Amino acid sequence: MRKTQLDLMVPIPVRRAVRKLGQDIRDARLRRRISTAVMAERASISRTTLNKIEKGDPGVSLGNYANVLFVLGMAERLGDLADVKTDTVGLGLEEERLPQRIRKSPRSGQKSKA
C-alpha cells in the first residue's frame, strides 16, 4: 500500500476513526439494501468518491461524508460531534478558571467622600 503525503500528515487515531466511520457507512448502506450507484446519485457524488468514503479516506471532504449520512438518515448526529455539553476537557478547563471567591463591589448608589 502506497502512503500519500496526506496519510503521513493524519494522526493514527484520526485515521482509525475515519476508517471506522467509512465501514459504518458501508454497513448502513448494505442494511438498507442501497446499491453504490443509487447511493452515489442520491448523495450527488461519484461512485469513486463513495468508495473512498466507505474505505475511510481522510482526503474526502466533510461535505461529502455529510451528504452520504443525510441519504442514510443520519445527518442530525453530525451536529453533535463537537457539542459543548459533551466537551469534557473544555468544561473542565472552564471550571478551573472560575474565581475562588467573589468580592463584593462597592454599592453604586453611595456617594464617595471627597
PDB file of N, CA and C in Angstrom:
ATOM      1  N   MET A   1       0.841  -1.175   0.000  1.00  0.00           N
ATOM      2  CA  MET A   1       0.000   0.000   0.000  1.00  0.00           C
ATOM      3  C   MET A   1       0.890   1.244   0.000  1.00  0.00           C
ATOM      4  N   ARG A   2       0.628   2.139  -0.920  1.00  0.00           N
ATOM      5  CA  ARG A   2       1.430   3.344  -1.069  1.00  0.00           C
ATOM      6  C   ARG A   2       0.926   4.425  -0.119  1.00  0.00           C
ATOM      7  N   LYS A   3       1.827   5.015   0.625  1.00  0.00           N
ATOM      8  CA  LYS A   3       1.459   6.091   1.555  1.00  0.00           C
ATOM      9  C   LYS A   3       1.539   7.424   0.840  1.00  0.00           C
ATOM     10  N   THR A   4       0.454   8.166   0.882  1.00  0.00           N
ATOM     11  CA  THR A   4       0.452   9.505   0.307  1.00  0.00           C
ATOM     12  C   THR A   4       0.903  10.489   1.372  1.00  0.00           C
ATOM     13  N   GLN A   5       1.141  11.713   0.953  1.00  0.00           N
ATOM     14  CA  GLN A   5       1.557  12.750   1.907  1.00  0.00           C
ATOM     15  C   GLN A   5       0.453  13.001   2.931  1.00  0.00           C
ATOM     16  N   LEU A   6      -0.817  12.917   2.493  1.00  0.00           N
ATOM     17  CA  LEU A   6      -1.933  13.112   3.415  1.00  0.00           C
ATOM     18  C   LEU A   6      -1.941  12.018   4.477  1.00  0.00           C
ATOM     19  N   ASP A   7      -1.662  10.764   4.078  1.00  0.00           N
ATOM     20  CA  ASP A   7      -1.626   9.670   5.045  1.00  0.00           C
ATOM     21  C   ASP A   7      -0.580   9.925   6.125  1.00  0.00           C
ATOM     22  N   LEU A   8       0.532  10.517   5.743  1.00  0.00           N
ATOM     23  CA  LEU A   8       1.595  10.785   6.697  1.00  0.00           C
ATOM     24  C   LEU A   8       1.238  11.939   7.633  1.00  0.00           C
ATOM     25  N   MET A   9       0.384  12.857   7.181  1.00  0.00           N
ATOM     26  CA  MET A   9       0.011  14.015   7.988  1.00  0.00           C
ATOM     27  C   MET A   9      -1.123  13.712   8.965  1.00  0.00           C
ATOM     28  N   VAL A  10      -1.936  12.712   8.673  1.00  0.00           N
ATOM     29  CA  VAL A  10      -3.105  12.411   9.504  1.00  0.00           C
ATOM     30  C   VAL A  10      -2.681  11.510  10.665  1.00  0.00           C
ATOM     31  N   PRO A  11      -2.963  11.927  11.899  1.00  0.00           N
ATOM     32  CA  PRO A  11      -2.604  11.104  13.060  1.00  0.00           C
ATOM     33  C   PRO A  11      -3.304   9.737  13.024  1.00  0.00           C
ATOM     34  N   ILE A  12      -2.651   8.740  13.565  1.00  0.00           N
ATOM     35  CA  ILE A  12      -3.181   7.370  13.544  1.00  0.00           C
ATOM     36  C   ILE A  12      -4.579   7.281  14.160  1.00  0.00           C
ATOM     37  N   PRO A  13      -4.856   7.904  15.327  1.00  0.00           N
ATOM     38  CA  PRO A  13      -6.220   7.812  15.879  1.00  0.00           C
ATOM     39  C   PRO A  13      -7.280   8.405  14.948  1.00  0.00           C
ATOM     40  N   VAL A  14      -6.907   9.455  14.217  1.00  0.00           N
ATOM     41  CA  VAL A  14      -7.854  10.062  13.271  1.00  0.00           C
ATOM     42  C   VAL A  14      -8.096   9.104  12.108  1.00  0.00           C
ATOM     43  N   ARG A  15      -7.033   8.497  11.607  1.00  0.00           N
ATOM     44  CA  ARG A  15      -7.188   7.520  10.518  1.00  0.00           C
ATOM     45  C   ARG A  15      -8.100   6.384  10.934  1.00  0.00           C
ATOM     46  N   ARG A  16      -7.900   5.895  12.160  1.00  0.00           N
ATOM     47  CA  ARG A  16      -8.739   4.786  12.650  1.00  0.00           C
ATOM     48  C   ARG A  16     -10.202   5.214  12.755  1.00  0.00           C
ATOM     49  N   ALA A  17     -10.436   6.406  13.270  1.00  0.00           N
ATOM     50  CA  ALA A  17     -11.810   6.894  13.439  1.00  0.00           C
ATOM     51  C   ALA A  17     -12.498   7.076  12.090  1.00  0.00           C
ATOM     52  N   VAL A  18     -11.787   7.630  11.114  1.00  0.00           N
ATOM     53  CA  VAL A  18     -12.383   7.852   9.788  1.00  0.00           C
ATOM     54  C   VAL A  18     -12.603   6.503   9.088  1.00  0.00           C
ATOM     55  N   ARG A  19     -11.687   5.570   9.281  1.00  0.00           N
ATOM     56  CA  ARG A  19     -11.855   4.236   8.701  1.00  0.00           C
ATOM     57  C   ARG A  19     -13.087   3.555   9.283  1.00  0.00           C
ATOM     58  N   LYS A  20     -13.278   3.682  10.619  1.00  0.00           N
ATOM     59  CA  LYS A  20     -14.458   3.097  11.257  1.00  0.00           C
ATOM     60  C   LYS A  20     -15.734   3.757  10.741  1.00  0.00           C
ATOM     61  N   LEU A  21     -15.692   5.087  10.592  1.00  0.00           N
ATOM     62  CA  LEU A  21     -16.854   5.800  10.051  1.00  0.00           C
ATOM     63  C   LEU A  21     -17.189   5.273   8.661  1.00  0.00           C
ATOM     64  N   GLY A  22     -16.183   5.090   7.830  1.00  0.00           N
ATOM     65  CA  GLY A  22     -16.411   4.560   6.483  1.00  0.00           C
ATOM     66  C   GLY A  22     -17.021   3.170   6.503  1.00  0.00           C
ATOM     67  N   GLN A  23     -16.522   2.305   7.376  1.00  0.00           N
ATOM     68  CA  GLN A  23     -17.075   0.952   7.487  1.00  0.00           C
ATOM     69  C   GLN A  23     -18.515   0.991   7.983  1.00  0.00           C
ATOM     70  N   ASP A  24     -18.774   1.875   8.947  1.00  0.00           N
ATOM     71  CA  ASP A  24     -20.139   2.009   9.465  1.00  0.00           C
ATOM     72  C   ASP A  24     -21.091   2.518   8.392  1.00  0.00           C
ATOM     73  N   ILE A  25     -20.624   3.452   7.573  1.00  0.00           N
ATOM     74  CA  ILE A  25     -21.445   3.964   6.471  1.00  0.00           C
ATOM     75  C   ILE A  25     -21.739   2.845   5.487  1.00  0.00           C
ATOM     76  N   ARG A  26     -20.725   2.057   5.158  1.00  0.00           N
ATOM     77  CA  ARG A  26     -20.920   0.939   4.234  1.00  0.00           C
ATOM     78  C   ARG A  26     -21.926  -0.056   4.804  1.00  0.00           C
ATOM     79  N   ASP A  27     -21.783  -0.408   6.082  1.00  0.00           N
ATOM     80  CA  ASP A  27     -22.716  -1.345   6.711  1.00  0.00           C
ATOM     81  C   ASP A  27     -24.143  -0.800   6.706  1.00  0.00           C
ATOM     82  N   ALA A  28     -24.290   0.492   6.984  1.00  0.00           N
ATOM     83  CA  ALA A  28     -25.622   1.110   6.980  1.00  0.00           C
ATOM     84  C   ALA A  28     -26.233   1.074   5.577  1.00  0.00           C
ATOM     85  N   ARG A  29     -25.407   1.331   4.567  1.00  0.00           N
ATOM     86  CA  ARG A  29     -25.897   1.280   3.179  1.00  0.00           C
ATOM     87  C   ARG A  29     -26.345  -0.129   2.828  1.00  0.00           C
ATOM     88  N   LEU A  30     -25.548  -1.112   3.203  1.00  0.00           N
ATOM     89  CA  LEU A  30     -25.898  -2.500   2.894  1.00  0.00           C
ATOM     90  C   LEU A  30     -27.150  -2.950   3.643  1.00  0.00           C
ATOM     91  N   ARG A  31     -27.298  -2.534   4.907  1.00  0.00           N
ATOM     92  CA  ARG A  31     -28.506  -2.890   5.665  1.00  0.00           C
ATOM     93  C   ARG A  31     -29.760  -2.325   5.005  1.00  0.00           C
ATOM     94  N   ARG A  32     -29.618  -1.177   4.372  1.00  0.00           N
ATOM     95  CA  ARG A  32     -30.757  -0.547   3.692  1.00  0.00           C
ATOM     96  C   ARG A  32     -30.923  -1.062   2.265  1.00  0.00           C
ATOM     97  N   ARG A  33     -29.998  -1.927   1.857  1.00  0.00           N
ATOM     98  CA  ARG A  33     -30.000  -2.517   0.514  1.00  0.00           C
ATOM     99  C   ARG A  33     -29.991  -1.453  -0.584  1.00  0.00           C
ATOM    100  N   ILE A  34     -29.105  -0.465  -0.399  1.00  0.00           N
ATOM    101  CA  ILE A  34     -28.926   0.591  -1.393  1.00  0.00           C
ATOM    102  C   ILE A  34     -27.655   0.285  -2.162  1.00  0.00           C
ATOM    103  N   SER A  35     -27.747   0.254  -3.482  1.00  0.00           N
ATOM    104  CA  SER A  35     -26.564  -0.017  -4.302  1.00  0.00           C
ATOM    105  C   SER A  35     -25.631   1.199  -4.293  1.00  0.00           C
ATOM    106  N   THR A  36     -24.380   0.963  -4.667  1.00  0.00           N
ATOM    107  CA  THR A  36     -23.427   2.071  -4.710  1.00  0.00           C
ATOM    108  C   THR A  36     -23.833   3.113  -5.737  1.00  0.00           C
ATOM    109  N   ALA A  37     -24.381   2.660  -6.858  1.00  0.00           N
ATOM    110  CA  ALA A  37     -24.793   3.599  -7.909  1.00  0.00           C
ATOM    111  C   ALA A  37     -25.912   4.510  -7.414  1.00  0.00           C
ATOM    112  N   VAL A  38     -26.902   3.928  -6.748  1.00  0.00           N
ATOM    113  CA  VAL A  38     -28.031   4.710  -6.238  1.00  0.00           C
ATOM    114  C   VAL A  38     -27.574   5.644  -5.123  1.00  0.00           C
ATOM    115  N   MET A  39     -26.737   5.127  -4.232  1.00  0.00           N
ATOM    116  CA  MET A  39     -26.238   5.943  -3.126  1.00  0.00           C
ATOM    117  C   MET A  39     -25.445   7.132  -3.639  1.00  0.00           C
ATOM    118  N   ALA A  40     -24.556   6.891  -4.578  1.00  0.00           N
ATOM    119  CA  ALA A  40     -23.732   7.969  -5.133  1.00  0.00           C
ATOM    120  C   ALA A  40     -24.623   9.019  -5.806  1.00  0.00           C
ATOM    121  N   GLU A  41     -25.628   8.568  -6.536  1.00  0.00           N
ATOM    122  CA  GLU A  41     -26.531   9.508  -7.209  1.00  0.00           C
ATOM    123  C   GLU A  41     -27.305  10.340  -6.198  1.00  0.00           C
ATOM    124  N   ARG A  42     -27.833   9.708  -5.167  1.00  0.00           N
ATOM    125  CA  ARG A  42     -28.608  10.430  -4.147  1.00  0.00           C
ATOM    126  C   ARG A  42     -27.747  11.422  -3.371  1.00  0.00           C
ATOM    127  N   ALA A  43     -26.467  11.090  -3.174  1.00  0.00           N
ATOM    128  CA  ALA A  43     -25.563  11.963  -2.432  1.00  0.00           C
ATOM    129  C   ALA A  43     -24.875  12.977  -3.346  1.00  0.00           C
ATOM    130  N   SER A  44     -25.157  12.917  -4.631  1.00  0.00           N
ATOM    131  CA  SER A  44     -24.561  13.827  -5.631  1.00  0.00           C
ATOM    132  C   SER A  44     -23.036  13.730  -5.648  1.00  0.00           C
ATOM    133  N   ILE A  45     -22.540  12.504  -5.583  1.00  0.00           N
ATOM    134  CA  ILE A  45     -21.105  12.258  -5.656  1.00  0.00           C
ATOM    135  C   ILE A  45     -20.863  11.128  -6.655  1.00  0.00           C
ATOM    136  N   SER A  46     -19.612  10.925  -7.018  1.00  0.00           N
ATOM    137  CA  SER A  46     -19.279   9.824  -7.926  1.00  0.00           C
ATOM    138  C   SER A  46     -19.169   8.524  -7.134  1.00  0.00           C
ATOM    139  N   ARG A  47     -19.246   7.409  -7.843  1.00  0.00           N
ATOM    140  CA  ARG A  47     -19.080   6.113  -7.183  1.00  0.00           C
ATOM    141  C   ARG A  47     -17.664   5.984  -6.620  1.00  0.00           C
ATOM    142  N   THR A  48     -16.699   6.600  -7.295  1.00  0.00           N
ATOM    143  CA  THR A  48     -15.320   6.573  -6.803  1.00  0.00           C
ATOM    144  C   THR A  48     -15.222   7.267  -5.449  1.00  0.00           C
ATOM    145  N   THR A  49     -15.878   8.413  -5.322  1.00  0.00           N
ATOM    146  CA  THR A  49     -15.870   9.139  -4.049  1.00  0.00           C
ATOM    147  C   THR A  49     -16.572   8.324  -2.970  1.00  0.00           C
ATOM    148  N   LEU A  50     -17.686   7.693  -3.316  1.00  0.00           N
ATOM    149  CA  LEU A  50     -18.386   6.840  -2.351  1.00  0.00           C
ATOM    150  C   LEU A  50     -17.480   5.699  -1.899  1.00  0.00           C
ATOM    151  N   ASN A  51     -16.756   5.114  -2.836  1.00  0.00           N
ATOM    152  CA  ASN A  51     -15.823   4.044  -2.500  1.00  0.00           C
ATOM    153  C   ASN A  51     -14.754   4.544  -1.525  1.00  0.00           C
ATOM    154  N   LYS A  52     -14.248   5.752  -1.763  1.00  0.00           N
ATOM    155  CA  LYS A  52     -13.246   6.338  -0.860  1.00  0.00           C
ATOM    156  C   LYS A  52     -13.845   6.582   0.525  1.00  0.00           C
ATOM    157  N   ILE A  53     -15.078   7.059   0.567  1.00  0.00           N
ATOM    158  CA  ILE A  53     -15.753   7.298   1.850  1.00  0.00           C
ATOM    159  C   ILE A  53     -15.876   5.986   2.620  1.00  0.00           C
ATOM    160  N   GLU A  54     -16.310   4.937   1.941  1.00  0.00           N
ATOM    161  CA  GLU A  54     -16.520   3.652   2.612  1.00  0.00           C
ATOM    162  C   GLU A  54     -15.207   3.005   3.040  1.00  0.00           C
ATOM    163  N   LYS A  55     -14.102   3.422   2.451  1.00  0.00           N
ATOM    164  CA  LYS A  55     -12.792   2.936   2.875  1.00  0.00           C
ATOM    165  C   LYS A  55     -12.191   3.831   3.960  1.00  0.00           C
ATOM    166  N   GLY A  56     -12.848   4.955   4.245  1.00  0.00           N
ATOM    167  CA  GLY A  56     -12.380   5.856   5.290  1.00  0.00           C
ATOM    168  C   GLY A  56     -11.248   6.757   4.851  1.00  0.00           C
ATOM    169  N   ASP A  57     -11.293   7.220   3.633  1.00  0.00           N
ATOM    170  CA  ASP A  57     -10.261   8.113   3.107  1.00  0.00           C
ATOM    171  C   ASP A  57     -10.399   9.486   3.766  1.00  0.00           C
ATOM    172  N   PRO A  58      -9.365   9.955   4.495  1.00  0.00           N
ATOM    173  CA  PRO A  58      -9.459  11.250   5.153  1.00  0.00           C
ATOM    174  C   PRO A  58      -9.363  12.432   4.191  1.00  0.00           C
ATOM    175  N   GLY A  59      -9.045  12.168   2.937  1.00  0.00           N
ATOM    176  CA  GLY A  59      -8.933  13.237   1.951  1.00  0.00           C
ATOM    177  C   GLY A  59     -10.268  13.646   1.348  1.00  0.00           C
ATOM    178  N   VAL A  60     -11.317  12.887   1.617  1.00  0.00           N
ATOM    179  CA  VAL A  60     -12.648  13.219   1.101  1.00  0.00           C
ATOM    180  C   VAL A  60     -13.234  14.318   1.971  1.00  0.00           C
ATOM    181  N   SER A  61     -13.894  15.278   1.353  1.00  0.00           N
ATOM    182  CA  SER A  61     -14.408  16.425   2.108  1.00  0.00           C
ATOM    183  C   SER A  61     -15.504  16.013   3.095  1.00  0.00           C
ATOM    184  N   LEU A  62     -15.570  16.758   4.179  1.00  0.00           N
ATOM    185  CA  LEU A  62     -16.592  16.517   5.195  1.00  0.00           C
ATOM    186  C   LEU A  62     -17.993  16.673   4.591  1.00  0.00           C
ATOM    187  N   GLY A  63     -18.120  17.576   3.629  1.00  0.00           N
ATOM    188  CA  GLY A  63     -19.411  17.768   2.968  1.00  0.00           C
ATOM    189  C   GLY A  63     -19.900  16.505   2.279  1.00  0.00           C
ATOM    190  N   ASN A  64     -18.984  15.767   1.668  1.00  0.00           N
ATOM    191  CA  ASN A  64     -19.377  14.516   1.020  1.00  0.00           C
ATOM    192  C   ASN A  64     -19.789  13.465   2.050  1.00  0.00           C
ATOM    193  N   TYR A  65     -19.052  13.387   3.149  1.00  0.00           N
ATOM    194  CA  TYR A  65     -19.459  12.478   4.229  1.00  0.00           C
ATOM    195  C   TYR A  65     -20.854  12.876   4.731  1.00  0.00           C
ATOM    196  N   ALA A  66     -21.092  14.186   4.893  1.00  0.00           N
ATOM    197  CA  ALA A  66     -22.380  14.672   5.385  1.00  0.00           C
ATOM    198  C   ALA A  66     -23.513  14.326   4.419  1.00  0.00           C
ATOM    199  N   ASN A  67     -23.266  14.463   3.121  1.00  0.00           N
ATOM    200  CA  ASN A  67     -24.293  14.115   2.133  1.00  0.00           C
ATOM    201  C   ASN A  67     -24.659  12.639   2.214  1.00  0.00           C
ATOM    202  N   VAL A  68     -23.657  11.783   2.374  1.00  0.00           N
ATOM    203  CA  VAL A  68     -23.912  10.347   2.478  1.00  0.00           C
ATOM    204  C   VAL A  68     -24.694  10.048   3.755  1.00  0.00           C
ATOM    205  N   LEU A  69     -24.316  10.678   4.858  1.00  0.00           N
ATOM    206  CA  LEU A  69     -25.053  10.483   6.112  1.00  0.00           C
ATOM    207  C   LEU A  69     -26.494  10.972   5.981  1.00  0.00           C
ATOM    208  N   PHE A  70     -26.705  12.047   5.239  1.00  0.00           N
ATOM    209  CA  PHE A  70     -28.053  12.557   5.005  1.00  0.00           C
ATOM    210  C   PHE A  70     -28.890  11.526   4.260  1.00  0.00           C
ATOM    211  N   VAL A  71     -28.314  10.935   3.225  1.00  0.00           N
ATOM    212  CA  VAL A  71     -29.029   9.912   2.451  1.00  0.00           C
ATOM    213  C   VAL A  71     -29.412   8.739   3.355  1.00  0.00           C
ATOM    214  N   LEU A  72     -28.561   8.414   4.311  1.00  0.00           N
ATOM    215  CA  LEU A  72     -28.832   7.303   5.224  1.00  0.00           C
ATOM    216  C   LEU A  72     -29.763   7.696   6.373  1.00  0.00           C
ATOM    217  N   GLY A  73     -30.099   8.986   6.459  1.00  0.00           N
ATOM    218  CA  GLY A  73     -30.969   9.458   7.536  1.00  0.00           C
ATOM    219  C   GLY A  73     -30.239   9.653   8.845  1.00  0.00           C
ATOM    220  N   MET A  74     -28.924   9.911   8.780  1.00  0.00           N
ATOM    221  CA  MET A  74     -28.114  10.046   9.981  1.00  0.00           C
ATOM    222  C   MET A  74     -27.445  11.410  10.108  1.00  0.00           C
ATOM    223  N   ALA A  75     -27.829  12.373   9.315  1.00  0.00           N
ATOM    224  CA  ALA A  75     -27.137  13.669   9.281  1.00  0.00           C
ATOM    225  C   ALA A  75     -27.297  14.464  10.571  1.00  0.00           C
ATOM    226  N   GLU A  76     -28.390  14.286  11.290  1.00  0.00           N
ATOM    227  CA  GLU A  76     -28.620  15.084  12.500  1.00  0.00           C
ATOM    228  C   GLU A  76     -27.563  14.815  13.563  1.00  0.00           C
ATOM    229  N   ARG A  77     -26.992  13.627  13.582  1.00  0.00           N
ATOM    230  CA  ARG A  77     -25.974  13.294  14.580  1.00  0.00           C
ATOM    231  C   ARG A  77     -24.642  13.983  14.293  1.00  0.00           C
ATOM    232  N   LEU A  78     -24.449  14.421  13.083  1.00  0.00           N
ATOM    233  CA  LEU A  78     -23.206  15.098  12.707  1.00  0.00           C
ATOM    234  C   LEU A  78     -23.037  16.401  13.493  1.00  0.00           C
ATOM    235  N   GLY A  79     -24.128  17.076  13.775  1.00  0.00           N
ATOM    236  CA  GLY A  79     -24.075  18.329  14.514  1.00  0.00           C
ATOM    237  C   GLY A  79     -23.709  18.161  15.980  1.00  0.00           C
ATOM    238  N   ASP A  80     -23.769  16.937  16.492  1.00  0.00           N
ATOM    239  CA  ASP A  80     -23.474  16.694  17.906  1.00  0.00           C
ATOM    240  C   ASP A  80     -22.024  16.286  18.160  1.00  0.00           C
ATOM    241  N   LEU A  81     -21.214  16.185  17.124  1.00  0.00           N
ATOM    242  CA  LEU A  81     -19.850  15.695  17.290  1.00  0.00           C
ATOM    243  C   LEU A  81     -19.024  16.548  18.250  1.00  0.00           C
ATOM    244  N   ALA A  82     -19.110  17.834  18.141  1.00  0.00           N
ATOM    245  CA  ALA A  82     -18.317  18.723  18.995  1.00  0.00           C
ATOM    246  C   ALA A  82     -19.214  19.562  19.896  1.00  0.00           C
ATOM    247  N   ASP A  83     -20.331  19.004  20.308  1.00  0.00           N
ATOM    248  CA  ASP A  83     -21.291  19.708  21.149  1.00  0.00           C
ATOM    249  C   ASP A  83     -20.636  20.145  22.460  1.00  0.00           C
ATOM    250  N   VAL A  84     -20.908  21.365  22.872  1.00  0.00           N
ATOM    251  CA  VAL A  84     -20.327  21.938  24.090  1.00  0.00           C
ATOM    252  C   VAL A  84     -20.652  21.068  25.306  1.00  0.00           C
ATOM    253  N   LYS A  85     -21.833  20.516  25.355  1.00  0.00           N
ATOM    254  CA  LYS A  85     -22.253  19.730  26.515  1.00  0.00           C
ATOM    255  C   LYS A  85     -21.434  18.460  26.694  1.00  0.00           C
ATOM    256  N   THR A  86     -20.826  17.964  25.633  1.00  0.00           N
ATOM    257  CA  THR A  86     -20.043  16.732  25.725  1.00  0.00           C
ATOM    258  C   THR A  86     -18.536  16.994  25.685  1.00  0.00           C
ATOM    259  N   ASP A  87     -18.135  18.247  25.726  1.00  0.00           N
ATOM    260  CA  ASP A  87     -16.717  18.621  25.691  1.00  0.00           C
ATOM    261  C   ASP A  87     -16.161  18.610  27.111  1.00  0.00           C
ATOM    262  N   THR A  88     -15.805  17.436  27.597  1.00  0.00           N
ATOM    263  CA  THR A  88     -15.363  17.303  28.988  1.00  0.00           C
ATOM    264  C   THR A  88     -14.074  18.073  29.259  1.00  0.00           C
ATOM    265  N   VAL A  89     -13.161  18.095  28.318  1.00  0.00           N
ATOM    266  CA  VAL A  89     -11.903  18.832  28.511  1.00  0.00           C
ATOM    267  C   VAL A  89     -12.186  20.328  28.605  1.00  0.00           C
ATOM    268  N   GLY A  90     -12.961  20.850  27.675  1.00  0.00           N
ATOM    269  CA  GLY A  90     -13.292  22.278  27.682  1.00  0.00           C
ATOM    270  C   GLY A  90     -14.067  22.683  28.915  1.00  0.00           C
ATOM    271  N   LEU A  91     -15.016  21.859  29.319  1.00  0.00           N
ATOM    272  CA  LEU A  91     -15.791  22.164  30.526  1.00  0.00           C
ATOM    273  C   LEU A  91     -14.905  22.141  31.768  1.00  0.00           C
ATOM    274  N   GLY A  92     -13.957  21.202  31.813  1.00  0.00           N
ATOM    275  CA  GLY A  92     -13.028  21.132  32.946  1.00  0.00           C
ATOM    276  C   GLY A  92     -12.137  22.358  33.016  1.00  0.00           C
ATOM    277  N   LEU A  93     -11.631  22.794  31.858  1.00  0.00           N
ATOM    278  CA  LEU A  93     -10.789  23.985  31.821  1.00  0.00           C
ATOM    279  C   LEU A  93     -11.569  25.229  32.226  1.00  0.00           C
ATOM    280  N   GLU A  94     -12.803  25.303  31.778  1.00  0.00           N
ATOM    281  CA  GLU A  94     -13.645  26.443  32.134  1.00  0.00           C
ATOM    282  C   GLU A  94     -13.901  26.473  33.637  1.00  0.00           C
ATOM    283  N   GLU A  95     -14.114  25.309  34.215  1.00  0.00           N
ATOM    284  CA  GLU A  95     -14.365  25.225  35.658  1.00  0.00           C
ATOM    285  C   GLU A  95     -13.132  25.645  36.454  1.00  0.00           C
ATOM    286  N   GLU A  96     -11.942  25.312  35.961  1.00  0.00           N
ATOM    287  CA  GLU A  96     -10.707  25.719  36.638  1.00  0.00           C
ATOM    288  C   GLU A  96     -10.537  27.229  36.661  1.00  0.00           C
ATOM    289  N   ARG A  97     -11.068  27.910  35.689  1.00  0.00           N
ATOM    290  CA  ARG A  97     -10.923  29.369  35.599  1.00  0.00           C
ATOM    291  C   ARG A  97     -11.968  30.117  36.406  1.00  0.00           C
ATOM    292  N   LEU A  98     -12.879  29.407  37.031  1.00  0.00           N
ATOM    293  CA  LEU A  98     -13.881  30.086  37.852  1.00  0.00           C
ATOM    294  C   LEU A  98     -13.181  30.735  39.038  1.00  0.00           C
ATOM    295  N   PRO A  99     -13.619  31.913  39.453  1.00  0.00           N
ATOM    296  CA  PRO A  99     -12.980  32.573  40.601  1.00  0.00           C
ATOM    297  C   PRO A  99     -13.215  31.772  41.874  1.00  0.00           C
ATOM    298  N   GLN A 100     -12.223  31.811  42.766  1.00  0.00           N
ATOM    299  CA  GLN A 100     -12.336  31.102  44.040  1.00  0.00           C
ATOM    300  C   GLN A 100     -13.342  31.790  44.956  1.00  0.00           C
ATOM    301  N   ARG A 101     -13.378  33.111  44.861  1.00  0.00           N
ATOM    302  CA  ARG A 101     -14.345  33.869  45.649  1.00  0.00           C
ATOM    303  C   ARG A 101     -14.739  35.101  44.851  1.00  0.00           C
ATOM    304  N   ILE A 102     -15.866  35.606  45.203  1.00  0.00           N
ATOM    305  CA  ILE A 102     -16.360  36.803  44.526  1.00  0.00           C
ATOM    306  C   ILE A 102     -16.396  37.919  45.555  1.00  0.00           C
ATOM    307  N   ARG A 103     -15.713  39.004  45.235  1.00  0.00           N
ATOM    308  CA  ARG A 103     -15.665  40.145  46.153  1.00  0.00           C
ATOM    309  C   ARG A 103     -16.875  41.028  45.918  1.00  0.00           C
ATOM    310  N   LYS A 104     -17.336  41.551  47.014  1.00  0.00           N
ATOM    311  CA  LYS A 104     -18.484  42.429  46.951  1.00  0.00           C
ATOM    312  C   LYS A 104     -18.010  43.791  46.468  1.00  0.00           C
ATOM    313  N   SER A 105     -18.610  44.291  45.425  1.00  0.00           N
ATOM    314  CA  SER A 105     -18.215  45.599  44.908  1.00  0.00           C
ATOM    315  C   SER A 105     -18.918  46.688  45.708  1.00  0.00           C
ATOM    316  N   PRO A 106     -18.305  47.878  45.770  1.00  0.00           N
ATOM    317  CA  PRO A 106     -18.964  48.981  46.485  1.00  0.00           C
ATOM    318  C   PRO A 106     -20.315  49.277  45.840  1.00  0.00           C
ATOM    319  N   ARG A 107     -21.241  49.654  46.665  1.00  0.00           N
ATOM    320  CA  ARG A 107     -22.585  49.944  46.143  1.00  0.00           C
ATOM    321  C   ARG A 107     -22.507  51.117  45.188  1.00  0.00           C
ATOM    322  N   SER A 108     -23.147  50.979  44.098  1.00  0.00           N
ATOM    323  CA  SER A 108     -23.091  52.032  43.075  1.00  0.00           C
ATOM    324  C   SER A 108     -23.910  53.255  43.485  1.00  0.00           C
ATOM    325  N   GLY A 109     -24.841  53.103  44.426  1.00  0.00           N
ATOM    326  CA  GLY A 109     -25.681  54.232  44.829  1.00  0.00           C
ATOM    327  C   GLY A 109     -25.054  55.132  45.867  1.00  0.00           C
ATOM    328  N   GLN A 110     -23.945  54.740  46.520  1.00  0.00           N
ATOM    329  CA  GLN A 110     -23.328  55.551  47.569  1.00  0.00           C
ATOM    330  C   GLN A 110     -22.468  56.659  46.953  1.00  0.00           C
ATOM    331  N   LYS A 111     -22.496  57.781  47.630  1.00  0.00           N
ATOM    332  CA  LYS A 111     -21.636  58.897  47.185  1.00  0.00           C
ATOM    333  C   LYS A 111     -20.313  58.767  47.889  1.00  0.00           C
ATOM    334  N   SER A 112     -19.242  58.999  47.180  1.00  0.00           N
ATOM    335  CA  SER A 112     -17.931  58.924  47.785  1.00  0.00           C
ATOM    336  C   SER A 112     -17.632  60.215  48.528  1.00  0.00           C
ATOM    337  N   LYS A 113     -16.818  60.152  49.585  1.00  0.00           N
ATOM    338  CA  LYS A 113     -16.460  61.320  50.360  1.00  0.00           C
ATOM    339  C   LYS A 113     -15.258  61.967  49.705  1.00  0.00           C
ATOM    340  N   ALA A 114     -15.421  63.127  49.186  1.00  0.00           N
ATOM    341  CA  ALA A 114     -14.321  63.813  48.523  1.00  0.00           C
ATOM    342  C   ALA A 114     -14.112  65.195  49.047  1.00  0.00           C
TER     343      ALA A 114
END
